[in-house]
C-alpha cells in the first residue's frame, strides 16, 4: 500500500503496523483503533505483541487513546493490563465497542439476544475462539480481560446495544472496573443501528471529558 490522498483532504499512509489515517487538520490525539475479529486468525501472544507495537508507533505521533470493537476491544483491554504490568506509559483512555471480553462465552446475553443478530453465529465463533486460544485456559487474562486485574487502568468507555449478544461482557467489565477504582463511562443504546449512529460522537465527547479531568485542579 502506498500513501493515498483523498479529495476530502484525508491522507492514508502505509506504515509497518498498518494504515495510518491523517485528518485534513492536525489533531491533538492519536486514536489506535483495533478492528473487529481479524485477530482471531493469529495467536494470543502474537496478537498482543502486534497491538503493543502499534501502540508504540502511535506514541511517536502524540498522546494516544485506544479503541476497538468485538475482539479488537478485548485486545484493547488486554493491552491496558499489559502496559500497566510492564510499567509502560498508559494511553489517555480506552473505548470498547460491543466488546468481546470473556472468551468462555457463557454470558446469558449470547442466548437471550440471539434473535437480534442472526448473522452472529455463536457456534462458529466458539470454534474460532478455541483455535485462537490454542489450548490455553479461556479465563487467561490475555485472552479474556474480564478476568484480569483491572486496578490502575485509565478511564474506559464501553459502548454497546441493549440487544447485543455481547451485552453482558460490557456490563460485567464496567462493574469490575468500577469496583477497581477505574473511571467508567458505560453507554447502552437500544439497538445496533442507534449504537452505530452515536459511536463517533460518544467517543469524541468522552475524549473531551478525559482531557478535562486531566487539567481539572
Protein backbone atom coordinates (compact mmCIF):
# COMPACT_ATOMS: atom_id res chain seq x y z
CA UNK A 1 0.00 0.00 0.00
CA UNK A 2 1.28 3.46 -0.94
CA UNK A 3 0.22 6.80 0.53
CA UNK A 4 -3.23 7.87 -0.64
CA UNK A 5 -4.58 11.44 -0.71
CA UNK A 6 -8.40 11.63 -0.74
CA UNK A 7 -10.49 14.50 -2.08
CA UNK A 8 -11.65 15.27 1.46
CA UNK A 9 -8.07 16.10 2.44
CA UNK A 10 -7.67 12.89 4.41
CA UNK A 11 -4.32 11.16 3.82
CA UNK A 12 -3.88 7.41 4.29
CA UNK A 13 -0.28 6.41 4.92
CA UNK A 14 1.25 2.94 4.85
CA UNK A 15 3.20 2.01 7.98
CA UNK A 16 4.85 -1.09 9.48
CA UNK A 17 1.87 -1.54 11.80
CA UNK A 18 -0.92 -0.93 9.28
CA UNK A 19 -2.63 2.04 7.61
CA UNK A 20 -2.38 5.43 9.33
CA UNK A 21 -5.18 7.91 8.62
CA UNK A 22 -4.29 11.61 8.85
CA UNK A 23 -7.18 14.13 9.06
CA UNK A 24 -7.08 17.33 6.98
CA UNK A 25 -6.16 19.35 10.09
CA UNK A 26 -3.69 18.08 12.69
CA UNK A 27 -5.41 16.58 15.72
CA UNK A 28 -4.11 16.64 19.27
CA UNK A 29 -4.81 12.96 19.92
CA UNK A 30 -3.88 9.75 18.12
CA UNK A 31 -6.54 7.02 18.06
CA UNK A 32 -5.22 3.46 17.83
CA UNK A 33 -8.27 1.56 16.56
CA UNK A 34 -8.39 -2.23 16.60
CA UNK A 35 -10.92 -3.57 14.12
CA UNK A 36 -13.30 -6.44 14.69
CA UNK A 37 -12.40 -10.12 14.80
CA UNK A 38 -9.47 -10.13 12.36
CA UNK A 39 -7.10 -11.08 15.19
CA UNK A 40 -8.75 -14.49 15.64
CA UNK A 41 -6.60 -15.77 12.77
CA UNK A 42 -3.43 -15.31 14.86
CA UNK A 43 -2.27 -16.43 18.29
CA UNK A 44 -2.99 -14.57 21.55
CA UNK A 45 0.58 -13.59 22.37
CA UNK A 46 1.48 -12.58 18.81
CA UNK A 47 -1.74 -10.52 18.57
CA UNK A 48 -0.87 -8.67 21.77
CA UNK A 49 2.71 -8.14 20.59
CA UNK A 50 1.41 -6.66 17.32
CA UNK A 51 -1.02 -4.39 19.15
CA UNK A 52 1.73 -3.28 21.55
CA UNK A 53 3.94 -2.45 18.56
CA UNK A 54 1.13 -0.40 17.07
CA UNK A 55 0.76 1.45 20.35
CA UNK A 56 4.48 2.29 20.50
CA UNK A 57 4.36 3.50 16.90
CA UNK A 58 1.35 5.71 17.71
CA UNK A 59 3.08 7.25 20.74
CA UNK A 60 5.61 8.92 18.46
CA UNK A 61 2.80 10.95 16.88
CA UNK A 62 1.26 12.27 20.10
CA UNK A 63 -0.98 11.35 23.05
CA UNK A 64 -2.77 8.06 22.37
CA UNK A 65 -6.24 6.72 23.08
CA UNK A 66 -7.00 3.07 22.34
CA UNK A 67 -10.30 1.88 20.89
CA UNK A 68 -11.68 -1.29 19.38
CA UNK A 69 -14.72 -3.38 18.56
CA UNK A 70 -15.60 -7.01 19.31
CA UNK A 71 -12.34 -8.95 19.76
CA UNK A 72 -10.44 -5.77 18.91
CA UNK A 73 -11.99 -4.23 22.02
CA UNK A 74 -10.89 -7.27 24.01
CA UNK A 75 -7.35 -6.80 22.77
CA UNK A 76 -7.51 -3.10 23.64
CA UNK A 77 -8.47 -4.02 27.23
CA UNK A 78 -5.74 -6.69 27.39
CA UNK A 79 -3.22 -4.12 26.13
CA UNK A 80 -4.08 -1.80 29.02
CA UNK A 81 -3.25 -4.52 31.55
CA UNK A 82 -0.07 -5.45 29.66
CA UNK A 83 1.14 -1.84 29.64
CA UNK A 84 0.35 -1.39 33.33
CA UNK A 85 2.15 -4.59 34.30
CA UNK A 86 5.19 -3.59 32.24
CA UNK A 87 5.31 -0.12 33.79
CA UNK A 88 4.88 1.46 30.35
CA UNK A 89 3.02 4.76 29.83
CA UNK A 90 -0.72 4.17 29.59
CA UNK A 91 -3.00 5.70 26.95
CA UNK A 92 -5.18 8.60 27.99
CA UNK A 93 -8.24 6.36 27.85
CA UNK A 94 -9.83 3.44 26.04
CA UNK A 95 -13.14 2.95 24.21
CA UNK A 96 -14.57 -0.57 23.88
CA UNK A 97 -17.41 -1.05 21.37
CA UNK A 98 -19.57 -4.22 21.51
CA UNK A 99 -16.63 -5.77 23.30
CA UNK A 100 -15.79 -9.48 23.39
CA UNK A 101 -14.11 -9.57 26.80
CA UNK A 102 -14.75 -13.13 28.01
CA UNK A 103 -13.80 -15.92 25.62
CA UNK A 104 -15.51 -18.54 27.79
CA UNK A 105 -18.63 -17.18 26.07
CA UNK A 106 -21.01 -18.25 28.82
CA UNK A 107 -22.86 -14.93 29.13
CA UNK A 108 -26.69 -15.19 29.15
CA UNK A 109 -26.97 -12.39 26.56
CA UNK A 110 -25.47 -14.75 23.95
CA UNK A 111 -28.71 -16.71 24.12
CA UNK A 112 -31.20 -14.05 25.16
CA UNK A 113 -30.26 -11.68 22.32
CA UNK A 114 -29.60 -14.28 19.62
CA UNK A 115 -32.65 -13.26 17.57
CA UNK A 116 -31.39 -9.68 17.29
CA UNK A 117 -28.45 -10.63 15.05
CA UNK A 118 -29.00 -13.87 13.10
CA UNK A 119 -25.71 -13.27 11.25
CA UNK A 120 -23.77 -13.59 14.52
CA UNK A 121 -23.10 -17.33 14.64
CA UNK A 122 -22.14 -18.14 18.20
CA UNK A 123 -21.21 -21.75 17.45
CA UNK A 124 -18.80 -20.72 14.69
CA UNK A 125 -17.28 -18.01 16.87
CA UNK A 126 -16.72 -20.52 19.67
CA UNK A 127 -14.86 -22.78 17.23
CA UNK A 128 -12.67 -19.89 16.12
CA UNK A 129 -12.04 -18.87 19.73
CA UNK A 130 -10.85 -22.39 20.61
CA UNK A 131 -8.42 -22.37 17.66
CA UNK A 132 -7.20 -18.93 18.69
CA UNK A 133 -6.70 -19.99 22.33
CA UNK A 134 -4.52 -22.91 21.20
CA UNK A 135 -5.07 -24.90 24.39
CA UNK A 136 -4.80 -22.03 26.87
CA UNK A 137 -7.40 -21.60 29.58
CA UNK A 138 -10.12 -19.32 28.24
CA UNK A 139 -10.05 -17.39 31.52
CA UNK A 140 -6.41 -16.39 30.89
CA UNK A 141 -6.49 -12.56 31.22
CA UNK A 142 -4.54 -12.23 27.96
CA UNK A 143 -7.50 -13.91 26.25
CA UNK A 144 -10.33 -12.70 28.47
CA UNK A 145 -9.57 -9.31 30.04
CA UNK A 146 -12.81 -9.56 32.01
CA UNK A 147 -10.80 -11.88 34.29
CA UNK A 148 -7.78 -9.56 34.54
CA UNK A 149 -6.72 -7.36 37.43
CA UNK A 150 -8.26 -4.03 36.41
CA UNK A 151 -6.71 -1.80 39.08
CA UNK A 152 -4.75 1.17 37.79
CA UNK A 153 -6.25 1.29 34.30
CA UNK A 154 -7.01 4.60 32.57
CA UNK A 155 -10.62 5.77 32.05
CA UNK A 156 -12.66 3.34 29.96
CA UNK A 157 -15.79 3.93 27.90
CA UNK A 158 -17.97 0.95 26.96
CA UNK A 159 -20.48 1.35 24.12
CA UNK A 160 -22.95 -1.45 23.46
CA UNK A 161 -26.50 -2.11 22.27
CA UNK A 162 -29.14 -3.46 24.63
CA UNK A 163 -29.87 -6.31 22.22
CA UNK A 164 -26.18 -7.08 21.55
CA UNK A 165 -25.19 -10.71 22.08
CA UNK A 166 -22.11 -9.42 23.91
CA UNK A 167 -24.03 -7.03 26.17
CA UNK A 168 -23.17 -8.93 29.35
CA UNK A 169 -19.43 -8.68 28.67
CA UNK A 170 -19.64 -4.88 28.77
CA UNK A 171 -21.89 -4.83 31.83
CA UNK A 172 -19.63 -7.19 33.78
CA UNK A 173 -16.44 -5.36 32.77
CA UNK A 174 -17.93 -2.00 33.72
CA UNK A 175 -18.90 -3.32 37.16
CA UNK A 176 -15.48 -4.92 37.81
CA UNK A 177 -13.59 -1.86 36.56
CA UNK A 178 -15.67 0.50 38.71
CA UNK A 179 -15.05 -1.68 41.79
CA UNK A 180 -11.34 -1.47 40.96
CA UNK A 181 -11.38 2.33 41.05
CA UNK A 182 -11.34 2.84 37.27
CA UNK A 183 -13.31 5.75 35.80
CA UNK A 184 -16.02 4.08 33.68
CA UNK A 185 -18.48 5.51 31.16
CA UNK A 186 -21.00 2.79 30.19
CA UNK A 187 -23.50 3.65 27.46
CA UNK A 188 -26.16 1.17 26.36
CA UNK A 189 -28.15 2.06 23.24
CA UNK A 190 -31.43 0.33 22.26
CA UNK A 191 -30.11 -1.44 19.17
CA UNK A 192 -27.16 -1.76 16.80
CA UNK A 193 -28.41 0.96 14.45
CA UNK A 194 -28.65 3.58 17.19
CA UNK A 195 -25.27 2.49 18.54
CA UNK A 196 -23.57 2.89 15.14
CA UNK A 197 -25.15 6.32 14.71
CA UNK A 198 -23.72 7.56 18.01
CA UNK A 199 -20.33 5.85 18.30
CA UNK A 200 -18.32 8.72 16.80
CA UNK A 201 -19.94 11.50 18.82
CA UNK A 202 -19.88 9.44 22.05
CA UNK A 203 -16.16 8.70 21.63
CA UNK A 204 -15.35 12.34 20.87
CA UNK A 205 -17.31 13.53 23.91
CA UNK A 206 -15.52 11.00 26.12
CA UNK A 207 -12.11 12.12 24.86
CA UNK A 208 -13.06 15.68 25.77
CA UNK A 209 -14.22 14.65 29.24
CA UNK A 210 -10.98 12.78 29.89
CA UNK A 211 -8.92 15.79 28.78
CA UNK A 212 -10.98 18.00 31.12
CA UNK A 213 -10.31 15.62 34.02
CA UNK A 214 -6.58 15.82 33.33
CA UNK A 215 -6.48 19.63 33.64
CA UNK A 216 -9.02 19.92 36.48
CA UNK A 217 -7.34 21.02 39.74
